[in-house]
Amino acid sequence: MKKLFRLLLAVSVLFLFVGTTAMAKKKSYTKAQVLKKCKKYKTKKSIKKYKKCLKKYKIKTKKRVKRSKKSKISSDTEDKETTTSYYVKKGFYAGGNLAYVMPGDLKFADASAGLDSSIGMAALGGYKFGKIRAELEYFTHKNAFSDGDNSLAFSTILLSGYYRLNTKSFSPIFGAGLGSSTIKNNDSFTATSYHITGGVESMISQQLSWTALLRYMQYGDIEFDDGDTGSFDPTFALMGGVKYSF
């Protein structure tokens, strides 16, 4: 009952955080607005700074209509052209997460052992193919048994796929993945694991973004030397972190 209460509390905090942040969406500039912002460098004959300013906003536009002889008409055409979103730009990225982990109980045929919640962490890297991304993640956490006798340390390598719902600054993301876990006590065990993860991502700058995620994680069974097999209830994790796109 305590674990359910902690989970509901964590989810409530997540949605409160998401709802507050969703109101602060990042402004998208038209090409004409970008040119106006950078024009101050051009007038000062600092071509290098002018080009750097244009590069900062990564101007990529659709093919323009044939330019009119009159500059005023040309300017009106530019106002209608918007920059291509850099939020789903293809390329590599790396980042990390902190997690509040609520592990499932370890169950045997005739008994079970509860595990306390703890703080975990993850290091990750991947490649964005637009809205879709492939990600390799190292996820680790250590949880003490509720009776205070010893603990279990979980280390997992996960290969995951994620989908970003839109190309705006603020967007929901969903993903799932499969991995291999090493679970250590006095002995070391290997188990297959998988996860389903959902949450939101918001851009801080063209390269930096933050994420808030809720993860469902299932660890596979482990077998002891005496032949006894232990299985885990689902683990839940509330995660938050940052990513840097190269």
C-alpha atoms as a PDB file:
ATOM      1  CA  MET A   1       0.000   0.000   0.000  1.00  0.00           C
ATOM      2  CA  LYS A   2       2.921   2.329   0.798  1.00  0.00           C
ATOM      3  CA  LYS A   3       4.505   1.659  -2.622  1.00  0.00           C
ATOM      4  CA  LEU A   4       1.213   2.438  -4.397  1.00  0.00           C
ATOM      5  CA  PHE A   5       0.909   5.699  -2.462  1.00  0.00           C
ATOM      6  CA  ARG A   6       4.510   6.677  -3.359  1.00  0.00           C
ATOM      7  CA  LEU A   7       3.866   5.862  -7.020  1.00  0.00           C
ATOM      8  CA  LEU A   8       0.665   7.975  -7.144  1.00  0.00           C
ATOM      9  CA  LEU A   9       2.495  10.837  -5.421  1.00  0.00           C
ATOM     10  CA  ALA A  10       5.379  10.628  -7.905  1.00  0.00           C
ATOM     11  CA  VAL A  11       3.002  10.616 -10.903  1.00  0.00           C
ATOM     12  CA  SER A  12       1.118  13.634  -9.489  1.00  0.00           C
ATOM     13  CA  VAL A  13       4.368  15.584  -9.120  1.00  0.00           C
ATOM     14  CA  LEU A  14       5.369  14.641 -12.683  1.00  0.00           C
ATOM     15  CA  PHE A  15       2.094  15.874 -14.231  1.00  0.00           C
ATOM     16  CA  LEU A  16       2.171  19.063 -12.147  1.00  0.00           C
ATOM     17  CA  PHE A  17       5.716  19.711 -13.406  1.00  0.00           C
ATOM     18  CA  VAL A  18       4.747  18.950 -17.008  1.00  0.00           C
ATOM     19  CA  GLY A  19       1.630  21.138 -16.886  1.00  0.00           C
ATOM     20  CA  THR A  20       3.590  24.108 -15.558  1.00  0.00           C
ATOM     21  CA  THR A  21       6.386  23.782 -18.084  1.00  0.00           C
ATOM     22  CA  ALA A  22       4.086  23.281 -21.080  1.00  0.00           C
ATOM     23  CA  MET A  23       3.015  26.905 -20.744  1.00  0.00           C
ATOM     24  CA  ALA A  24       6.535  28.099 -21.525  1.00  0.00           C
ATOM     25  CA  LYS A  25       6.942  27.067 -25.149  1.00  0.00           C
ATOM     26  CA  LYS A  26       9.981  28.171 -27.096  1.00  0.00           C
ATOM     27  CA  LYS A  27       9.509  30.896 -29.730  1.00  0.00           C
ATOM     28  CA  SER A  28      10.040  29.920 -33.380  1.00  0.00           C
ATOM     29  CA  TYR A  29      11.489  32.632 -35.623  1.00  0.00           C
ATOM     30  CA  THR A  30      10.696  33.230 -39.289  1.00  0.00           C
ATOM     31  CA  LYS A  31      13.571  33.649 -41.705  1.00  0.00           C
ATOM     32  CA  ALA A  32      12.793  37.358 -42.033  1.00  0.00           C
ATOM     33  CA  GLN A  33      12.978  37.798 -38.247  1.00  0.00           C
ATOM     34  CA  VAL A  34      16.317  36.001 -38.101  1.00  0.00           C
ATOM     35  CA  LEU A  35      17.714  38.165 -40.931  1.00  0.00           C
ATOM     36  CA  LYS A  36      16.553  41.280 -39.093  1.00  0.00           C
ATOM     37  CA  LYS A  37      18.262  40.121 -35.847  1.00  0.00           C
ATOM     38  CA  CYS A  38      21.508  39.419 -37.712  1.00  0.00           C
ATOM     39  CA  LYS A  39      21.391  42.522 -39.922  1.00  0.00           C
ATOM     40  CA  LYS A  40      23.129  44.622 -37.264  1.00  0.00           C
ATOM     41  CA  TYR A  41      26.322  42.684 -37.871  1.00  0.00           C
ATOM     42  CA  LYS A  42      26.061  43.105 -41.638  1.00  0.00           C
ATOM     43  CA  THR A  43      25.711  46.881 -41.417  1.00  0.00           C
ATOM     44  CA  LYS A  44      28.854  47.039 -39.312  1.00  0.00           C
ATOM     45  CA  LYS A  45      30.649  45.180 -42.124  1.00  0.00           C
ATOM     46  CA  SER A  46      31.407  42.247 -39.847  1.00  0.00           C
ATOM     47  CA  ILE A  47      30.627  39.461 -42.309  1.00  0.00           C
ATOM     48  CA  LYS A  48      32.085  36.807 -39.999  1.00  0.00           C
ATOM     49  CA  LYS A  49      29.692  37.716 -37.169  1.00  0.00           C
ATOM     50  CA  TYR A  50      26.804  37.969 -39.662  1.00  0.00           C
ATOM     51  CA  LYS A  51      27.416  34.435 -40.931  1.00  0.00           C
ATOM     52  CA  LYS A  52      27.824  33.141 -37.365  1.00  0.00           C
ATOM     53  CA  CYS A  53      24.468  34.687 -36.416  1.00  0.00           C
ATOM     54  CA  LEU A  54      22.735  33.011 -39.377  1.00  0.00           C
ATOM     55  CA  LYS A  55      24.381  29.690 -38.522  1.00  0.00           C
ATOM     56  CA  LYS A  56      23.153  29.954 -34.925  1.00  0.00           C
ATOM     57  CA  TYR A  57      19.523  29.803 -36.072  1.00  0.00           C
ATOM     58  CA  LYS A  58      20.231  27.056 -38.658  1.00  0.00           C
ATOM     59  CA  ILE A  59      18.197  28.647 -41.459  1.00  0.00           C
ATOM     60  CA  LYS A  60      16.810  26.022 -43.819  1.00  0.00           C
ATOM     61  CA  THR A  61      13.806  27.006 -45.920  1.00  0.00           C
ATOM     62  CA  LYS A  62      11.632  25.583 -48.600  1.00  0.00           C
ATOM     63  CA  LYS A  63      12.469  26.482 -52.199  1.00  0.00           C
ATOM     64  CA  ARG A  64      11.605  30.125 -52.717  1.00  0.00           C
ATOM     65  CA  VAL A  65       9.306  31.546 -55.336  1.00  0.00           C
ATOM     66  CA  LYS A  66      11.243  33.409 -58.069  1.00  0.00           C
ATOM     67  CA  ARG A  67      12.460  36.672 -56.531  1.00  0.00           C
ATOM     68  CA  SER A  68      10.705  39.826 -57.597  1.00  0.00           C
ATOM     69  CA  LYS A  69      12.613  42.832 -58.869  1.00  0.00           C
ATOM     70  CA  LYS A  70      11.076  44.921 -56.137  1.00  0.00           C
ATOM     71  CA  SER A  71      12.737  44.394 -52.748  1.00  0.00           C
ATOM     72  CA  LYS A  72       9.479  45.047 -50.899  1.00  0.00           C
ATOM     73  CA  ILE A  73       7.759  42.083 -52.560  1.00  0.00           C
ATOM     74  CA  SER A  74      10.822  39.939 -51.839  1.00  0.00           C
ATOM     75  CA  SER A  75      10.656  40.912 -48.165  1.00  0.00           C
ATOM     76  CA  ASP A  76       6.966  39.953 -47.977  1.00  0.00           C
ATOM     77  CA  THR A  77       7.810  36.531 -49.406  1.00  0.00           C
ATOM     78  CA  GLU A  78      10.479  35.977 -46.754  1.00  0.00           C
ATOM     79  CA  ASP A  79       7.987  36.740 -43.975  1.00  0.00           C
ATOM     80  CA  LYS A  80       5.950  33.711 -45.015  1.00  0.00           C
ATOM     81  CA  GLU A  81       8.918  31.346 -44.909  1.00  0.00           C
ATOM     82  CA  THR A  82       9.726  29.702 -41.589  1.00  0.00           C
ATOM     83  CA  THR A  83      12.878  27.990 -40.486  1.00  0.00           C
ATOM     84  CA  THR A  84      13.030  24.227 -40.434  1.00  0.00           C
ATOM     85  CA  SER A  85      12.691  22.951 -36.854  1.00  0.00           C
ATOM     86  CA  TYR A  86      15.989  21.985 -35.269  1.00  0.00           C
ATOM     87  CA  TYR A  87      14.259  20.004 -32.502  1.00  0.00           C
ATOM     88  CA  VAL A  88      14.312  16.830 -34.614  1.00  0.00           C
ATOM     89  CA  LYS A  89      17.567  17.469 -36.436  1.00  0.00           C
ATOM     90  CA  LYS A  90      19.399  14.230 -37.293  1.00  0.00           C
ATOM     91  CA  GLY A  91      22.572  13.481 -35.369  1.00  0.00           C
ATOM     92  CA  PHE A  92      24.198  11.989 -32.290  1.00  0.00           C
ATOM     93  CA  TYR A  93      23.370  12.956 -28.713  1.00  0.00           C
ATOM     94  CA  ALA A  94      24.440  12.049 -25.160  1.00  0.00           C
ATOM     95  CA  GLY A  95      23.001  12.670 -21.720  1.00  0.00           C
ATOM     96  CA  GLY A  96      22.095  11.386 -18.293  1.00  0.00           C
ATOM     97  CA  ASN A  97      19.170  10.877 -15.914  1.00  0.00           C
ATOM     98  CA  LEU A  98      18.550  10.740 -12.188  1.00  0.00           C
ATOM     99  CA  ALA A  99      15.779   8.399 -11.089  1.00  0.00           C
ATOM    100  CA  TYR A 100      13.605   7.756  -8.065  1.00  0.00           C
ATOM    101  CA  VAL A 101      13.288   3.970  -8.230  1.00  0.00           C
ATOM    102  CA  MET A 102      10.416   2.031  -6.639  1.00  0.00           C
ATOM    103  CA  PRO A 103      11.422  -1.640  -7.032  1.00  0.00           C
ATOM    104  CA  GLY A 104       9.083  -4.598  -7.110  1.00  0.00           C
ATOM    105  CA  ASP A 105       9.218  -7.312  -4.445  1.00  0.00           C
ATOM    106  CA  LEU A 106      11.419 -10.369  -4.939  1.00  0.00           C
ATOM    107  CA  LYS A 107       9.115 -13.410  -4.779  1.00  0.00           C
ATOM    108  CA  PHE A 108       9.791 -17.091  -4.221  1.00  0.00           C
ATOM    109  CA  ALA A 109       7.453 -20.069  -4.292  1.00  0.00           C
ATOM    110  CA  ASP A 110       6.574 -19.787  -0.603  1.00  0.00           C
ATOM    111  CA  ALA A 111       7.874 -16.350   0.445  1.00  0.00           C
ATOM    112  CA  SER A 112       8.623 -12.810  -0.690  1.00  0.00           C
ATOM    113  CA  ALA A 113      11.045 -10.022   0.207  1.00  0.00           C
ATOM    114  CA  GLY A 114      10.298  -6.322  -0.125  1.00  0.00           C
ATOM    115  CA  LEU A 115      12.796  -3.789  -1.433  1.00  0.00           C
ATOM    116  CA  ASP A 116      13.010  -0.134  -0.376  1.00  0.00           C
ATOM    117  CA  SER A 117      12.949   2.773  -2.835  1.00  0.00           C
ATOM    118  CA  SER A 118      16.215   4.464  -3.755  1.00  0.00           C
ATOM    119  CA  ILE A 119      17.908   6.916  -6.098  1.00  0.00           C
ATOM    120  CA  GLY A 120      19.300   5.546  -9.357  1.00  0.00           C
ATOM    121  CA  MET A 121      21.070   7.021 -12.356  1.00  0.00           C
ATOM    122  CA  ALA A 122      21.501   6.465 -16.074  1.00  0.00           C
ATOM    123  CA  ALA A 123      24.073   7.400 -18.714  1.00  0.00           C
ATOM    124  CA  LEU A 124      22.888   7.337 -22.315  1.00  0.00           C
ATOM    125  CA  GLY A 125      23.759   8.088 -25.896  1.00  0.00           C
ATOM    126  CA  GLY A 126      22.069   7.641 -29.234  1.00  0.00           C
ATOM    127  CA  TYR A 127      21.250   8.861 -32.720  1.00  0.00           C
ATOM    128  CA  LYS A 128      18.215  10.861 -33.871  1.00  0.00           C
ATOM    129  CA  PHE A 129      16.626   9.957 -37.231  1.00  0.00           C
ATOM    130  CA  GLY A 130      14.199  12.869 -37.013  1.00  0.00           C
ATOM    131  CA  LYS A 131      11.287  12.067 -34.702  1.00  0.00           C
ATOM    132  CA  ILE A 132      12.609   8.524 -34.167  1.00  0.00           C
ATOM    133  CA  ARG A 133      15.753   7.836 -32.149  1.00  0.00           C
ATOM    134  CA  ALA A 134      17.821   4.787 -31.204  1.00  0.00           C
ATOM    135  CA  GLU A 135      19.386   4.861 -27.753  1.00  0.00           C
ATOM    136  CA  LEU A 136      21.914   2.852 -25.723  1.00  0.00           C
ATOM    137  CA  GLU A 137      21.584   3.293 -21.951  1.00  0.00           C
ATOM    138  CA  TYR A 138      23.341   2.151 -18.789  1.00  0.00           C
ATOM    139  CA  PHE A 139      20.830   2.161 -15.894  1.00  0.00           C
ATOM    140  CA  THR A 140      21.832   1.369 -12.310  1.00  0.00           C
ATOM    141  CA  HIS A 141      20.280   1.436  -8.826  1.00  0.00           C
ATOM    142  CA  LYS A 142      20.783  -0.277  -5.459  1.00  0.00           C
ATOM    143  CA  ASN A 143      17.916  -1.187  -3.137  1.00  0.00           C
ATOM    144  CA  ALA A 144      18.011  -2.460   0.426  1.00  0.00           C
ATOM    145  CA  PHE A 145      15.685  -5.204   1.599  1.00  0.00           C
ATOM    146  CA  SER A 146      12.847  -3.869   3.741  1.00  0.00           C
ATOM    147  CA  ASP A 147      13.893  -6.029   6.686  1.00  0.00           C
ATOM    148  CA  GLY A 148      17.305  -4.324   6.659  1.00  0.00           C
ATOM    149  CA  ASP A 149      19.178  -7.518   5.824  1.00  0.00           C
ATOM    150  CA  ASN A 150      21.466  -6.901   2.834  1.00  0.00           C
ATOM    151  CA  SER A 151      20.546  -5.324  -0.517  1.00  0.00           C
ATOM    152  CA  LEU A 152      20.408  -5.891  -4.278  1.00  0.00           C
ATOM    153  CA  ALA A 153      22.394  -3.878  -6.843  1.00  0.00           C
ATOM    154  CA  PHE A 154      20.956  -3.668 -10.387  1.00  0.00           C
ATOM    155  CA  SER A 155      23.046  -2.758 -13.443  1.00  0.00           C
ATOM    156  CA  THR A 156      21.372  -2.873 -16.851  1.00  0.00           C
ATOM    157  CA  ILE A 157      22.422  -2.221 -20.454  1.00  0.00           C
ATOM    158  CA  LEU A 158      19.355  -1.245 -22.504  1.00  0.00           C
ATOM    159  CA  LEU A 159      18.870  -0.834 -26.261  1.00  0.00           C
ATOM    160  CA  SER A 160      15.781   1.309 -26.836  1.00  0.00           C
ATOM    161  CA  GLY A 161      13.759   3.099 -29.463  1.00  0.00           C
ATOM    162  CA  TYR A 162      11.940   6.407 -28.818  1.00  0.00           C
ATOM    163  CA  TYR A 163       9.397   8.422 -30.777  1.00  0.00           C
ATOM    164  CA  ARG A 164       8.941  12.204 -30.432  1.00  0.00           C
ATOM    165  CA  LEU A 165       5.310  13.127 -31.067  1.00  0.00           C
ATOM    166  CA  ASN A 166       5.913  16.492 -32.781  1.00  0.00           C
ATOM    167  CA  THR A 167       8.642  18.868 -34.014  1.00  0.00           C
ATOM    168  CA  LYS A 168       7.888  21.673 -31.561  1.00  0.00           C
ATOM    169  CA  SER A 169      10.063  22.724 -28.630  1.00  0.00           C
ATOM    170  CA  PHE A 170       7.838  20.884 -26.123  1.00  0.00           C
ATOM    171  CA  SER A 171       6.713  17.371 -27.030  1.00  0.00           C
ATOM    172  CA  PRO A 172       5.586  14.065 -25.524  1.00  0.00           C
ATOM    173  CA  ILE A 173       7.957  11.135 -26.131  1.00  0.00           C
ATOM    174  CA  PHE A 174       7.410   7.391 -25.842  1.00  0.00           C
ATOM    175  CA  GLY A 175       9.755   4.450 -26.025  1.00  0.00           C
ATOM    176  CA  ALA A 176      10.544   0.855 -25.144  1.00  0.00           C
ATOM    177  CA  GLY A 177      13.631  -1.284 -24.971  1.00  0.00           C
ATOM    178  CA  LEU A 178      15.222  -4.618 -24.177  1.00  0.00           C
ATOM    179  CA  GLY A 179      18.335  -5.258 -22.134  1.00  0.00           C
ATOM    180  CA  SER A 180      20.550  -7.461 -20.015  1.00  0.00           C
ATOM    181  CA  SER A 181      20.737  -6.939 -16.243  1.00  0.00           C
ATOM    182  CA  THR A 182      23.356  -7.948 -13.697  1.00  0.00           C
ATOM    183  CA  ILE A 183      21.869  -8.311 -10.206  1.00  0.00           C
ATOM    184  CA  LYS A 184      24.308  -8.602  -7.306  1.00  0.00           C
ATOM    185  CA  ASN A 185      23.941  -9.676  -3.721  1.00  0.00           C
ATOM    186  CA  ASN A 186      26.488 -12.053  -2.244  1.00  0.00           C
ATOM    187  CA  ASP A 187      26.283 -13.724  -5.652  1.00  0.00           C
ATOM    188  CA  SER A 188      25.887 -12.317  -9.140  1.00  0.00           C
ATOM    189  CA  PHE A 189      22.915 -13.107 -11.391  1.00  0.00           C
ATOM    190  CA  THR A 190      22.117 -12.277 -15.004  1.00  0.00           C
ATOM    191  CA  ALA A 191      18.571 -11.623 -16.198  1.00  0.00           C
ATOM    192  CA  THR A 192      16.822 -10.309 -19.284  1.00  0.00           C
ATOM    193  CA  SER A 193      14.925  -7.062 -18.729  1.00  0.00           C
ATOM    194  CA  TYR A 194      12.662  -4.702 -20.657  1.00  0.00           C
ATOM    195  CA  HIS A 195      11.074  -1.316 -20.144  1.00  0.00           C
ATOM    196  CA  ILE A 196       8.257   0.904 -21.408  1.00  0.00           C
ATOM    197  CA  THR A 197       8.862   4.627 -20.886  1.00  0.00           C
ATOM    198  CA  GLY A 198       6.830   7.766 -21.537  1.00  0.00           C
ATOM    199  CA  GLY A 199       7.086  11.440 -20.701  1.00  0.00           C
ATOM    200  CA  VAL A 200       7.942  14.834 -22.132  1.00  0.00           C
ATOM    201  CA  GLU A 201      10.946  16.584 -23.643  1.00  0.00           C
ATOM    202  CA  SER A 202      11.562  20.323 -23.897  1.00  0.00           C
ATOM    203  CA  MET A 203      14.374  22.205 -25.631  1.00  0.00           C
ATOM    204  CA  ILE A 204      16.503  24.610 -23.588  1.00  0.00           C
ATOM    205  CA  SER A 205      18.595  25.607 -26.602  1.00  0.00           C
ATOM    206  CA  GLN A 206      19.334  24.196 -30.053  1.00  0.00           C
ATOM    207  CA  GLN A 207      21.642  21.576 -28.517  1.00  0.00           C
ATOM    208  CA  LEU A 208      20.385  21.137 -24.933  1.00  0.00           C
ATOM    209  CA  SER A 209      17.093  19.602 -23.786  1.00  0.00           C
ATOM    210  CA  TRP A 210      15.566  18.229 -20.589  1.00  0.00           C
ATOM    211  CA  THR A 211      13.260  15.253 -20.123  1.00  0.00           C
ATOM    212  CA  ALA A 212      10.797  14.085 -17.463  1.00  0.00           C
ATOM    213  CA  LEU A 213       9.896  10.384 -17.737  1.00  0.00           C
ATOM    214  CA  LEU A 214       7.934   7.636 -16.033  1.00  0.00           C
ATOM    215  CA  ARG A 215       9.360   4.143 -16.584  1.00  0.00           C
ATOM    216  CA  TYR A 216       7.848   0.687 -16.180  1.00  0.00           C
ATOM    217  CA  MET A 217      10.663  -1.867 -15.820  1.00  0.00           C
ATOM    218  CA  GLN A 218      10.478  -5.638 -15.616  1.00  0.00           C
ATOM    219  CA  TYR A 219      13.458  -7.715 -14.487  1.00  0.00           C
ATOM    220  CA  GLY A 220      13.623 -11.388 -15.421  1.00  0.00           C
ATOM    221  CA  ASP A 221      13.788 -14.327 -13.015  1.00  0.00           C
ATOM    222  CA  ILE A 222      17.000 -15.232 -11.190  1.00  0.00           C
ATOM    223  CA  GLU A 223      18.015 -18.753 -10.156  1.00  0.00           C
ATOM    224  CA  PHE A 224      19.944 -19.516  -6.979  1.00  0.00           C
ATOM    225  CA  ASP A 225      22.501 -22.296  -6.415  1.00  0.00           C
ATOM    226  CA  ASP A 226      20.044 -24.325  -4.353  1.00  0.00           C
ATOM    227  CA  GLY A 227      17.681 -24.462  -7.330  1.00  0.00           C
ATOM    228  CA  ASP A 228      15.225 -21.916  -5.927  1.00  0.00           C
ATOM    229  CA  THR A 229      13.962 -19.327  -8.448  1.00  0.00           C
ATOM    230  CA  GLY A 230      13.119 -15.731  -7.612  1.00  0.00           C
ATOM    231  CA  SER A 231      10.915 -13.443  -9.688  1.00  0.00           C
ATOM    232  CA  PHE A 232      10.459  -9.675  -9.482  1.00  0.00           C
ATOM    233  CA  ASP A 233       7.302  -7.615  -9.419  1.00  0.00           C
ATOM    234  CA  PRO A 234       7.394  -4.634 -11.837  1.00  0.00           C
ATOM    235  CA  THR A 235       9.711  -1.740 -10.958  1.00  0.00           C
ATOM    236  CA  PHE A 236       8.665   1.885 -11.493  1.00  0.00           C
ATOM    237  CA  ALA A 237      11.033   4.825 -11.862  1.00  0.00           C
ATOM    238  CA  LEU A 238      10.404   8.574 -12.055  1.00  0.00           C
ATOM    239  CA  MET A 239      13.263   9.996 -14.134  1.00  0.00           C
ATOM    240  CA  GLY A 240      14.557  13.437 -15.060  1.00  0.00           C
ATOM    241  CA  GLY A 241      17.636  14.487 -16.964  1.00  0.00           C
ATOM    242  CA  VAL A 242      19.294  16.379 -19.804  1.00  0.00           C
ATOM    243  CA  LYS A 243      20.580  15.559 -23.286  1.00  0.00           C
ATOM    244  CA  TYR A 244      23.099  17.328 -25.530  1.00  0.00           C
ATOM    245  CA  SER A 245      22.799  17.051 -29.310  1.00  0.00           C
ATOM    246  CA  PHE A 246      25.996  17.277 -31.368  1.00  0.00           C
END
